[in-house]
mmCIF file of all heavy atoms, coordinates in Angstrom:
data_MODEL
# 
_entry.id   MODEL 
# 
loop_
_atom_site.group_PDB 
_atom_site.id 
_atom_site.type_symbol 
_atom_site.label_atom_id 
_atom_site.label_alt_id 
_atom_site.label_comp_id 
_atom_site.label_asym_id 
_atom_site.label_entity_id 
_atom_site.label_seq_id 
_atom_site.pdbx_PDB_ins_code 
_atom_site.Cartn_x 
_atom_site.Cartn_y 
_atom_site.Cartn_z 
_atom_site.occupancy 
_atom_site.B_iso_or_equiv 
_atom_site.pdbx_formal_charge 
_atom_site.auth_seq_id 
_atom_site.auth_comp_id 
_atom_site.auth_asym_id 
_atom_site.auth_atom_id 
_atom_site.pdbx_PDB_model_num 
ATOM 1   N N   . ALA A 1 1  ? -26.346 31.552 226.137 1.00 0.00 ? 1  ALA A N   1 
ATOM 2   C CA  . ALA A 1 1  ? -25.000 30.987 226.046 1.00 0.00 ? 1  ALA A CA  1 
ATOM 3   C C   . ALA A 1 1  ? -24.839 29.789 226.966 1.00 0.00 ? 1  ALA A C   1 
ATOM 4   O O   . ALA A 1 1  ? -24.274 28.750 226.571 1.00 0.00 ? 1  ALA A O   1 
ATOM 5   C CB  . ALA A 1 1  ? -23.967 32.058 226.378 1.00 0.00 ? 1  ALA A CB  1 
ATOM 6   N N   . ASP A 1 2  ? -25.333 29.903 228.184 1.00 0.00 ? 2  ASP A N   1 
ATOM 7   C CA  . ASP A 1 2  ? -25.216 28.798 229.132 1.00 0.00 ? 2  ASP A CA  1 
ATOM 8   C C   . ASP A 1 2  ? -26.064 27.607 228.698 1.00 0.00 ? 2  ASP A C   1 
ATOM 9   O O   . ASP A 1 2  ? -25.648 26.446 228.841 1.00 0.00 ? 2  ASP A O   1 
ATOM 10  C CB  . ASP A 1 2  ? -25.632 29.257 230.531 1.00 0.00 ? 2  ASP A CB  1 
ATOM 11  C CG  . ASP A 1 2  ? -24.624 30.200 231.162 1.00 0.00 ? 2  ASP A CG  1 
ATOM 12  O OD1 . ASP A 1 2  ? -23.505 30.326 230.613 1.00 0.00 ? 2  ASP A OD1 1 
ATOM 13  O OD2 . ASP A 1 2  ? -24.946 30.815 232.196 1.00 0.00 ? 2  ASP A OD2 1 
ATOM 14  N N   . HIS A 1 3  ? -27.238 27.885 228.164 1.00 0.00 ? 3  HIS A N   1 
ATOM 15  C CA  . HIS A 1 3  ? -28.141 26.806 227.754 1.00 0.00 ? 3  HIS A CA  1 
ATOM 16  C C   . HIS A 1 3  ? -27.542 25.974 226.618 1.00 0.00 ? 3  HIS A C   1 
ATOM 17  O O   . HIS A 1 3  ? -27.647 24.742 226.612 1.00 0.00 ? 3  HIS A O   1 
ATOM 18  C CB  . HIS A 1 3  ? -29.485 27.396 227.321 1.00 0.00 ? 3  HIS A CB  1 
ATOM 19  C CG  . HIS A 1 3  ? -30.487 26.371 226.879 1.00 0.00 ? 3  HIS A CG  1 
ATOM 20  N ND1 . HIS A 1 3  ? -31.220 25.613 227.771 1.00 0.00 ? 3  HIS A ND1 1 
ATOM 21  C CD2 . HIS A 1 3  ? -30.874 25.961 225.637 1.00 0.00 ? 3  HIS A CD2 1 
ATOM 22  C CE1 . HIS A 1 3  ? -32.018 24.795 227.105 1.00 0.00 ? 3  HIS A CE1 1 
ATOM 23  N NE2 . HIS A 1 3  ? -31.823 24.978 225.805 1.00 0.00 ? 3  HIS A NE2 1 
ATOM 24  N N   . TYR A 1 4  ? -26.906 26.652 225.667 1.00 0.00 ? 4  TYR A N   1 
ATOM 25  C CA  . TYR A 1 4  ? -26.372 25.961 224.492 1.00 0.00 ? 4  TYR A CA  1 
ATOM 26  C C   . TYR A 1 4  ? -24.872 25.678 224.587 1.00 0.00 ? 4  TYR A C   1 
ATOM 27  O O   . TYR A 1 4  ? -24.304 25.076 223.669 1.00 0.00 ? 4  TYR A O   1 
ATOM 28  C CB  . TYR A 1 4  ? -26.661 26.775 223.231 1.00 0.00 ? 4  TYR A CB  1 
ATOM 29  C CG  . TYR A 1 4  ? -28.127 26.812 222.883 1.00 0.00 ? 4  TYR A CG  1 
ATOM 30  C CD1 . TYR A 1 4  ? -28.886 27.963 223.087 1.00 0.00 ? 4  TYR A CD1 1 
ATOM 31  C CD2 . TYR A 1 4  ? -28.770 25.700 222.346 1.00 0.00 ? 4  TYR A CD2 1 
ATOM 32  C CE1 . TYR A 1 4  ? -30.239 28.010 222.771 1.00 0.00 ? 4  TYR A CE1 1 
ATOM 33  C CE2 . TYR A 1 4  ? -30.123 25.727 222.031 1.00 0.00 ? 4  TYR A CE2 1 
ATOM 34  C CZ  . TYR A 1 4  ? -30.847 26.891 222.242 1.00 0.00 ? 4  TYR A CZ  1 
ATOM 35  O OH  . TYR A 1 4  ? -32.183 26.918 221.927 1.00 0.00 ? 4  TYR A OH  1 
ATOM 36  N N   . GLY A 1 5  ? -24.237 26.116 225.665 1.00 0.00 ? 5  GLY A N   1 
ATOM 37  C CA  . GLY A 1 5  ? -22.810 25.871 225.820 1.00 0.00 ? 5  GLY A CA  1 
ATOM 38  C C   . GLY A 1 5  ? -21.959 26.620 224.811 1.00 0.00 ? 5  GLY A C   1 
ATOM 39  O O   . GLY A 1 5  ? -20.980 26.058 224.281 1.00 0.00 ? 5  GLY A O   1 
ATOM 40  N N   . ILE A 1 6  ? -22.315 27.870 224.548 1.00 0.00 ? 6  ILE A N   1 
ATOM 41  C CA  . ILE A 1 6  ? -21.601 28.683 223.577 1.00 0.00 ? 6  ILE A CA  1 
ATOM 42  C C   . ILE A 1 6  ? -21.108 29.971 224.244 1.00 0.00 ? 6  ILE A C   1 
ATOM 43  O O   . ILE A 1 6  ? -21.416 30.227 225.413 1.00 0.00 ? 6  ILE A O   1 
ATOM 44  C CB  . ILE A 1 6  ? -22.490 29.023 222.362 1.00 0.00 ? 6  ILE A CB  1 
ATOM 45  C CG1 . ILE A 1 6  ? -23.775 29.737 222.808 1.00 0.00 ? 6  ILE A CG1 1 
ATOM 46  C CG2 . ILE A 1 6  ? -22.835 27.741 221.597 1.00 0.00 ? 6  ILE A CG2 1 
ATOM 47  C CD1 . ILE A 1 6  ? -24.701 30.140 221.663 1.00 0.00 ? 6  ILE A CD1 1 
ATOM 48  N N   . ALA A 1 7  ? -20.354 30.764 223.514 1.00 0.00 ? 7  ALA A N   1 
ATOM 49  C CA  . ALA A 1 7  ? -19.742 31.971 224.070 1.00 0.00 ? 7  ALA A CA  1 
ATOM 50  C C   . ALA A 1 7  ? -20.502 33.226 223.650 1.00 0.00 ? 7  ALA A C   1 
ATOM 51  O O   . ALA A 1 7  ? -21.108 33.279 222.586 1.00 0.00 ? 7  ALA A O   1 
ATOM 52  C CB  . ALA A 1 7  ? -18.283 32.079 223.626 1.00 0.00 ? 7  ALA A CB  1 
ATOM 53  N N   . VAL A 1 8  ? -20.404 34.236 224.518 1.00 0.00 ? 8  VAL A N   1 
ATOM 54  C CA  . VAL A 1 8  ? -20.896 35.580 224.222 1.00 0.00 ? 8  VAL A CA  1 
ATOM 55  C C   . VAL A 1 8  ? -19.712 36.433 223.786 1.00 0.00 ? 8  VAL A C   1 
ATOM 56  O O   . VAL A 1 8  ? -18.694 36.504 224.480 1.00 0.00 ? 8  VAL A O   1 
ATOM 57  C CB  . VAL A 1 8  ? -21.555 36.222 225.457 1.00 0.00 ? 8  VAL A CB  1 
ATOM 58  C CG1 . VAL A 1 8  ? -22.002 37.649 225.144 1.00 0.00 ? 8  VAL A CG1 1 
ATOM 59  C CG2 . VAL A 1 8  ? -22.738 35.384 225.936 1.00 0.00 ? 8  VAL A CG2 1 
ATOM 60  N N   . TYR A 1 9  ? -19.850 37.078 222.630 1.00 0.00 ? 9  TYR A N   1 
ATOM 61  C CA  . TYR A 1 9  ? -18.787 37.905 222.076 1.00 0.00 ? 9  TYR A CA  1 
ATOM 62  C C   . TYR A 1 9  ? -19.187 39.380 222.103 1.00 0.00 ? 9  TYR A C   1 
ATOM 63  O O   . TYR A 1 9  ? -20.331 39.733 221.778 1.00 0.00 ? 9  TYR A O   1 
ATOM 64  C CB  . TYR A 1 9  ? -18.531 37.536 220.606 1.00 0.00 ? 9  TYR A CB  1 
ATOM 65  C CG  . TYR A 1 9  ? -17.913 36.192 220.370 1.00 0.00 ? 9  TYR A CG  1 
ATOM 66  C CD1 . TYR A 1 9  ? -18.674 35.026 220.443 1.00 0.00 ? 9  TYR A CD1 1 
ATOM 67  C CD2 . TYR A 1 9  ? -16.567 36.073 220.021 1.00 0.00 ? 9  TYR A CD2 1 
ATOM 68  C CE1 . TYR A 1 9  ? -18.113 33.785 220.189 1.00 0.00 ? 9  TYR A CE1 1 
ATOM 69  C CE2 . TYR A 1 9  ? -15.995 34.832 219.761 1.00 0.00 ? 9  TYR A CE2 1 
ATOM 70  C CZ  . TYR A 1 9  ? -16.771 33.699 219.847 1.00 0.00 ? 9  TYR A CZ  1 
ATOM 71  O OH  . TYR A 1 9  ? -16.218 32.470 219.587 1.00 0.00 ? 9  TYR A OH  1 
ATOM 72  N N   . VAL A 1 10 ? -18.210 40.248 222.441 1.00 0.00 ? 10 VAL A N   1 
ATOM 73  C CA  . VAL A 1 10 ? -18.425 41.688 222.420 1.00 0.00 ? 10 VAL A CA  1 
ATOM 74  C C   . VAL A 1 10 ? -17.050 42.340 222.261 1.00 0.00 ? 10 VAL A C   1 
ATOM 75  O O   . VAL A 1 10 ? -16.009 41.682 222.473 1.00 0.00 ? 10 VAL A O   1 
ATOM 76  C CB  . VAL A 1 10 ? -19.144 42.169 223.706 1.00 0.00 ? 10 VAL A CB  1 
ATOM 77  C CG1 . VAL A 1 10 ? -18.195 42.194 224.896 1.00 0.00 ? 10 VAL A CG1 1 
ATOM 78  C CG2 . VAL A 1 10 ? -19.818 43.521 223.514 1.00 0.00 ? 10 VAL A CG2 1 
ATOM 79  N N   . HIS A 1 11 ? -17.000 43.613 221.897 1.00 0.00 ? 11 HIS A N   1 
ATOM 80  C CA  . HIS A 1 11 ? -15.715 44.297 221.782 1.00 0.00 ? 11 HIS A CA  1 
ATOM 81  C C   . HIS A 1 11 ? -15.126 44.559 223.168 1.00 0.00 ? 11 HIS A C   1 
ATOM 82  O O   . HIS A 1 11 ? -15.856 44.830 224.123 1.00 0.00 ? 11 HIS A O   1 
ATOM 83  C CB  . HIS A 1 11 ? -15.882 45.618 221.023 1.00 0.00 ? 11 HIS A CB  1 
ATOM 84  C CG  . HIS A 1 11 ? -14.595 46.203 220.545 1.00 0.00 ? 11 HIS A CG  1 
ATOM 85  N ND1 . HIS A 1 11 ? -13.792 46.992 221.346 1.00 0.00 ? 11 HIS A ND1 1 
ATOM 86  C CD2 . HIS A 1 11 ? -13.953 46.107 219.350 1.00 0.00 ? 11 HIS A CD2 1 
ATOM 87  C CE1 . HIS A 1 11 ? -12.721 47.357 220.661 1.00 0.00 ? 11 HIS A CE1 1 
ATOM 88  N NE2 . HIS A 1 11 ? -12.785 46.838 219.445 1.00 0.00 ? 11 HIS A NE2 1 
ATOM 89  N N   . GLU A 1 12 ? -13.805 44.511 223.262 1.00 0.00 ? 12 GLU A N   1 
ATOM 90  C CA  . GLU A 1 12 ? -13.139 44.697 224.551 1.00 0.00 ? 12 GLU A CA  1 
ATOM 91  C C   . GLU A 1 12 ? -13.433 46.064 225.173 1.00 0.00 ? 12 GLU A C   1 
ATOM 92  O O   . GLU A 1 12 ? -13.420 46.205 226.400 1.00 0.00 ? 12 GLU A O   1 
ATOM 93  C CB  . GLU A 1 12 ? -11.637 44.519 224.390 1.00 0.00 ? 12 GLU A CB  1 
ATOM 94  C CG  . GLU A 1 12 ? -10.979 45.489 223.434 1.00 0.00 ? 12 GLU A CG  1 
ATOM 95  C CD  . GLU A 1 12 ? -9.507  45.195 223.210 1.00 0.00 ? 12 GLU A CD  1 
ATOM 96  O OE1 . GLU A 1 12 ? -8.951  44.367 223.949 1.00 0.00 ? 12 GLU A OE1 1 
ATOM 97  O OE2 . GLU A 1 12 ? -8.921  45.788 222.286 1.00 0.00 ? 12 GLU A OE2 1 
ATOM 98  N N   . GLU A 1 13 ? -13.712 47.071 224.358 1.00 0.00 ? 13 GLU A N   1 
ATOM 99  C CA  . GLU A 1 13 ? -14.009 48.406 224.873 1.00 0.00 ? 13 GLU A CA  1 
ATOM 100 C C   . GLU A 1 13 ? -15.406 48.490 225.491 1.00 0.00 ? 13 GLU A C   1 
ATOM 101 O O   . GLU A 1 13 ? -15.794 49.538 226.017 1.00 0.00 ? 13 GLU A O   1 
ATOM 102 C CB  . GLU A 1 13 ? -13.877 49.443 223.755 1.00 0.00 ? 13 GLU A CB  1 
ATOM 103 C CG  . GLU A 1 13 ? -12.484 49.616 223.206 1.00 0.00 ? 13 GLU A CG  1 
ATOM 104 C CD  . GLU A 1 13 ? -11.522 50.213 224.232 1.00 0.00 ? 13 GLU A CD  1 
ATOM 105 O OE1 . GLU A 1 13 ? -11.988 51.000 225.088 1.00 0.00 ? 13 GLU A OE1 1 
ATOM 106 O OE2 . GLU A 1 13 ? -10.325 49.878 224.193 1.00 0.00 ? 13 GLU A OE2 1 
ATOM 107 N N   . GLU A 1 14 ? -16.152 47.400 225.421 1.00 0.00 ? 14 GLU A N   1 
ATOM 108 C CA  . GLU A 1 14 ? -17.527 47.416 225.927 1.00 0.00 ? 14 GLU A CA  1 
ATOM 109 C C   . GLU A 1 14 ? -17.673 46.762 227.290 1.00 0.00 ? 14 GLU A C   1 
ATOM 110 O O   . GLU A 1 14 ? -18.776 46.682 227.847 1.00 0.00 ? 14 GLU A O   1 
ATOM 111 C CB  . GLU A 1 14 ? -18.440 46.732 224.904 1.00 0.00 ? 14 GLU A CB  1 
ATOM 112 C CG  . GLU A 1 14 ? -19.888 47.162 224.949 1.00 0.00 ? 14 GLU A CG  1 
ATOM 113 C CD  . GLU A 1 14 ? -20.139 48.619 224.621 1.00 0.00 ? 14 GLU A CD  1 
ATOM 114 O OE1 . GLU A 1 14 ? -19.185 49.389 224.392 1.00 0.00 ? 14 GLU A OE1 1 
ATOM 115 O OE2 . GLU A 1 14 ? -21.315 49.008 224.601 1.00 0.00 ? 14 GLU A OE2 1 
ATOM 116 N N   . LYS A 1 15 ? -16.582 46.297 227.869 1.00 0.00 ? 15 LYS A N   1 
ATOM 117 C CA  . LYS A 1 15 ? -16.653 45.639 229.174 1.00 0.00 ? 15 LYS A CA  1 
ATOM 118 C C   . LYS A 1 15 ? -17.279 46.557 230.233 1.00 0.00 ? 15 LYS A C   1 
ATOM 119 O O   . LYS A 1 15 ? -18.152 46.146 230.997 1.00 0.00 ? 15 LYS A O   1 
ATOM 120 C CB  . LYS A 1 15 ? -15.258 45.212 229.633 1.00 0.00 ? 15 LYS A CB  1 
ATOM 121 C CG  . LYS A 1 15 ? -14.715 43.981 228.935 1.00 0.00 ? 15 LYS A CG  1 
ATOM 122 C CD  . LYS A 1 15 ? -13.427 43.508 229.592 1.00 0.00 ? 15 LYS A CD  1 
ATOM 123 C CE  . LYS A 1 15 ? -13.701 42.944 230.981 1.00 0.00 ? 15 LYS A CE  1 
ATOM 124 N NZ  . LYS A 1 15 ? -12.488 42.341 231.586 1.00 0.00 ? 15 LYS A NZ  1 
ATOM 125 N N   . LYS A 1 16 ? -16.847 47.807 230.272 1.00 0.00 ? 16 LYS A N   1 
ATOM 126 C CA  . LYS A 1 16 ? -17.356 48.741 231.280 1.00 0.00 ? 16 LYS A CA  1 
ATOM 127 C C   . LYS A 1 16 ? -18.833 49.003 231.091 1.00 0.00 ? 16 LYS A C   1 
ATOM 128 O O   . LYS A 1 16 ? -19.592 49.085 232.066 1.00 0.00 ? 16 LYS A O   1 
ATOM 129 C CB  . LYS A 1 16 ? -16.567 50.054 231.217 1.00 0.00 ? 16 LYS A CB  1 
ATOM 130 C CG  . LYS A 1 16 ? -16.936 51.060 232.295 1.00 0.00 ? 16 LYS A CG  1 
ATOM 131 C CD  . LYS A 1 16 ? -16.042 52.284 232.230 1.00 0.00 ? 16 LYS A CD  1 
ATOM 132 C CE  . LYS A 1 16 ? -16.404 53.294 233.315 1.00 0.00 ? 16 LYS A CE  1 
ATOM 133 N NZ  . LYS A 1 16 ? -15.507 54.498 233.248 1.00 0.00 ? 16 LYS A NZ  1 
ATOM 134 N N   . THR A 1 17 ? -19.253 49.128 229.832 1.00 0.00 ? 17 THR A N   1 
ATOM 135 C CA  . THR A 1 17 ? -20.677 49.340 229.557 1.00 0.00 ? 17 THR A CA  1 
ATOM 136 C C   . THR A 1 17 ? -21.503 48.185 230.086 1.00 0.00 ? 17 THR A C   1 
ATOM 137 O O   . THR A 1 17 ? -22.531 48.383 230.750 1.00 0.00 ? 17 THR A O   1 
ATOM 138 C CB  . THR A 1 17 ? -20.919 49.502 228.042 1.00 0.00 ? 17 THR A CB  1 
ATOM 139 O OG1 . THR A 1 17 ? -20.141 50.598 227.551 1.00 0.00 ? 17 THR A OG1 1 
ATOM 140 C CG2 . THR A 1 17 ? -22.392 49.763 227.747 1.00 0.00 ? 17 THR A CG2 1 
ATOM 141 N N   . MET A 1 18 ? -21.073 46.967 229.808 1.00 0.00 ? 18 MET A N   1 
ATOM 142 C CA  . MET A 1 18 ? -21.838 45.790 230.201 1.00 0.00 ? 18 MET A CA  1 
ATOM 143 C C   . MET A 1 18 ? -21.866 45.604 231.717 1.00 0.00 ? 18 MET A C   1 
ATOM 144 O O   . MET A 1 18 ? -22.919 45.310 232.290 1.00 0.00 ? 18 MET A O   1 
ATOM 145 C CB  . MET A 1 18 ? -21.261 44.539 229.543 1.00 0.00 ? 18 MET A CB  1 
ATOM 146 C CG  . MET A 1 18 ? -21.437 44.481 228.050 1.00 0.00 ? 18 MET A CG  1 
ATOM 147 S SD  . MET A 1 18 ? -20.876 42.905 227.379 1.00 0.00 ? 18 MET A SD  1 
ATOM 148 C CE  . MET A 1 18 ? -22.127 41.780 228.014 1.00 0.00 ? 18 MET A CE  1 
ATOM 149 N N   . GLU A 1 19 ? -20.726 45.766 232.341 1.00 0.00 ? 19 GLU A N   1 
ATOM 150 C CA  . GLU A 1 19 ? -20.597 45.386 233.750 1.00 0.00 ? 19 GLU A CA  1 
ATOM 151 C C   . GLU A 1 19 ? -21.134 46.430 234.712 1.00 0.00 ? 19 GLU A C   1 
ATOM 152 O O   . GLU A 1 19 ? -21.473 46.108 235.856 1.00 0.00 ? 19 GLU A O   1 
ATOM 153 C CB  . GLU A 1 19 ? -19.123 45.106 234.056 1.00 0.00 ? 19 GLU A CB  1 
ATOM 154 C CG  . GLU A 1 19 ? -18.583 43.894 233.307 1.00 0.00 ? 19 GLU A CG  1 
ATOM 155 C CD  . GLU A 1 19 ? -17.078 43.715 233.463 1.00 0.00 ? 19 GLU A CD  1 
ATOM 156 O OE1 . GLU A 1 19 ? -16.457 44.548 234.169 1.00 0.00 ? 19 GLU A OE1 1 
ATOM 157 O OE2 . GLU A 1 19 ? -16.527 42.757 232.886 1.00 0.00 ? 19 GLU A OE2 1 
ATOM 158 N N   . ASN A 1 20 ? -21.234 47.677 234.284 1.00 0.00 ? 20 ASN A N   1 
ATOM 159 C CA  . ASN A 1 20 ? -21.635 48.770 235.168 1.00 0.00 ? 20 ASN A CA  1 
ATOM 160 C C   . ASN A 1 20 ? -23.075 49.193 234.901 1.00 0.00 ? 20 ASN A C   1 
ATOM 161 O O   . ASN A 1 20 ? -23.398 49.674 233.812 1.00 0.00 ? 20 ASN A O   1 
ATOM 162 C CB  . ASN A 1 20 ? -20.690 49.961 234.960 1.00 0.00 ? 20 ASN A CB  1 
ATOM 163 C CG  . ASN A 1 20 ? -20.857 51.028 236.018 1.00 0.00 ? 20 ASN A CG  1 
ATOM 164 O OD1 . ASN A 1 20 ? -21.955 51.253 236.518 1.00 0.00 ? 20 ASN A OD1 1 
ATOM 165 N ND2 . ASN A 1 20 ? -19.772 51.706 236.345 1.00 0.00 ? 20 ASN A ND2 1 
ATOM 166 N N   . PRO A 1 21 ? -23.975 49.032 235.864 1.00 0.00 ? 21 PRO A N   1 
ATOM 167 C CA  . PRO A 1 21 ? -25.374 49.414 235.655 1.00 0.00 ? 21 PRO A CA  1 
ATOM 168 C C   . PRO A 1 21 ? -25.554 50.881 235.262 1.00 0.00 ? 21 PRO A C   1 
ATOM 169 O O   . PRO A 1 21 ? -26.519 51.226 234.574 1.00 0.00 ? 21 PRO A O   1 
ATOM 170 C CB  . PRO A 1 21 ? -26.031 49.123 237.011 1.00 0.00 ? 21 PRO A CB  1 
ATOM 171 C CG  . PRO A 1 21 ? -25.154 48.092 237.645 1.00 0.00 ? 21 PRO A CG  1 
ATOM 172 C CD  . PRO A 1 21 ? -23.764 48.415 237.196 1.00 0.00 ? 21 PRO A CD  1 
ATOM 173 N N   . ALA A 1 22 ? -24.629 51.735 235.667 1.00 0.00 ? 22 ALA A N   1 
ATOM 174 C CA  . ALA A 1 22 ? -24.733 53.148 235.309 1.00 0.00 ? 22 ALA A CA  1 
ATOM 175 C C   . ALA A 1 22 ? -24.502 53.370 233.824 1.00 0.00 ? 22 ALA A C   1 
ATOM 176 O O   . ALA A 1 22 ? -24.932 54.389 233.271 1.00 0.00 ? 22 ALA A O   1 
ATOM 177 C CB  . ALA A 1 22 ? -23.727 53.967 236.116 1.00 0.00 ? 22 ALA A CB  1 
ATOM 178 N N   . PHE A 1 23 ? -23.852 52.409 233.169 1.00 0.00 ? 23 PHE A N   1 
ATOM 179 C CA  . PHE A 1 23 ? -23.541 52.557 231.749 1.00 0.00 ? 23 PHE A CA  1 
ATOM 180 C C   . PHE A 1 23 ? -24.402 51.679 230.848 1.00 0.00 ? 23 PHE A C   1 
ATOM 181 O O   . PHE A 1 23 ? -24.553 51.997 229.668 1.00 0.00 ? 23 PHE A O   1 
ATOM 182 C CB  . PHE A 1 23 ? -22.065 52.262 231.498 1.00 0.00 ? 23 PHE A CB  1 
ATOM 183 C CG  . PHE A 1 23 ? -21.138 53.234 232.143 1.00 0.00 ? 23 PHE A CG  1 
ATOM 184 C CD1 . PHE A 1 23 ? -20.140 52.806 233.006 1.00 0.00 ? 23 PHE A CD1 1 
ATOM 185 C CD2 . PHE A 1 23 ? -21.259 54.595 231.902 1.00 0.00 ? 23 PHE A CD2 1 
ATOM 186 C CE1 . PHE A 1 23 ? -19.271 53.712 233.610 1.00 0.00 ? 23 PHE A CE1 1 
ATOM 187 C CE2 . PHE A 1 23 ? -20.403 55.509 232.496 1.00 0.00 ? 23 PHE A CE2 1 
ATOM 188 C CZ  . PHE A 1 23 ? -19.409 55.070 233.356 1.00 0.00 ? 23 PHE A CZ  1 
ATOM 189 N N   . ASN A 1 24 ? -24.938 50.574 231.378 1.00 0.00 ? 24 ASN A N   1 
ATOM 190 C CA  . ASN A 1 24 ? -25.731 49.707 230.497 1.00 0.00 ? 24 ASN A CA  1 
ATOM 191 C C   . ASN A 1 24 ? -27.211 50.095 230.445 1.00 0.00 ? 24 ASN A C   1 
ATOM 192 O O   . ASN A 1 24 ? -28.005 49.433 229.774 1.00 0.00 ? 24 ASN A O   1 
ATOM 193 C CB  . ASN A 1 24 ? -25.551 48.225 230.852 1.00 0.00 ? 24 ASN A CB  1 
ATOM 194 C CG  . ASN A 1 24 ? -26.085 47.851 232.223 1.00 0.00 ? 24 ASN A CG  1 
ATOM 195 O OD1 . ASN A 1 24 ? -27.150 48.280 232.644 1.00 0.00 ? 24 ASN A OD1 1 
ATOM 196 N ND2 . ASN A 1 24 ? -25.327 46.991 232.942 1.00 0.00 ? 24 ASN A ND2 1 
ATOM 197 N N   . CYS A 1 25 ? -27.567 51.163 231.138 1.00 0.00 ? 25 CYS A N   1 
ATOM 198 C CA  . CYS A 1 25 ? -28.886 51.798 231.019 1.00 0.00 ? 25 CYS A CA  1 
ATOM 199 C C   . CYS A 1 25 ? -30.041 50.970 231.580 1.00 0.00 ? 25 CYS A C   1 
ATOM 200 O O   . CYS A 1 25 ? -31.210 51.239 231.283 1.00 0.00 ? 25 CYS A O   1 
ATOM 201 C CB  . CYS A 1 25 ? -29.198 52.173 229.567 1.00 0.00 ? 25 CYS A CB  1 
ATOM 202 S SG  . CYS A 1 25 ? -28.021 53.329 228.846 1.00 0.00 ? 25 CYS A SG  1 
ATOM 203 N N   . CYS A 1 26 ? -29.747 49.986 232.426 1.00 0.00 ? 26 CYS A N   1 
ATOM 204 C CA  . CYS A 1 26 ? -30.814 49.151 232.963 1.00 0.00 ? 26 CYS A CA  1 
ATOM 205 C C   . CYS A 1 26 ? -31.741 49.915 233.903 1.00 0.00 ? 26 CYS A C   1 
ATOM 206 O O   . CYS A 1 26 ? -32.859 49.452 234.187 1.00 0.00 ? 26 CYS A O   1 
ATOM 207 C CB  . CYS A 1 26 ? -30.232 47.924 233.659 1.00 0.00 ? 26 CYS A CB  1 
ATOM 208 S SG  . CYS A 1 26 ? -29.124 48.297 235.034 1.00 0.00 ? 26 CYS A SG  1 
# 
């Protein structure tokens, strides 16, 4: 997204999954 100057889209209910390492399974 940063390289091409575009946006990343996801559902609003997925913010916690993405932002929290305990939920994004990394």
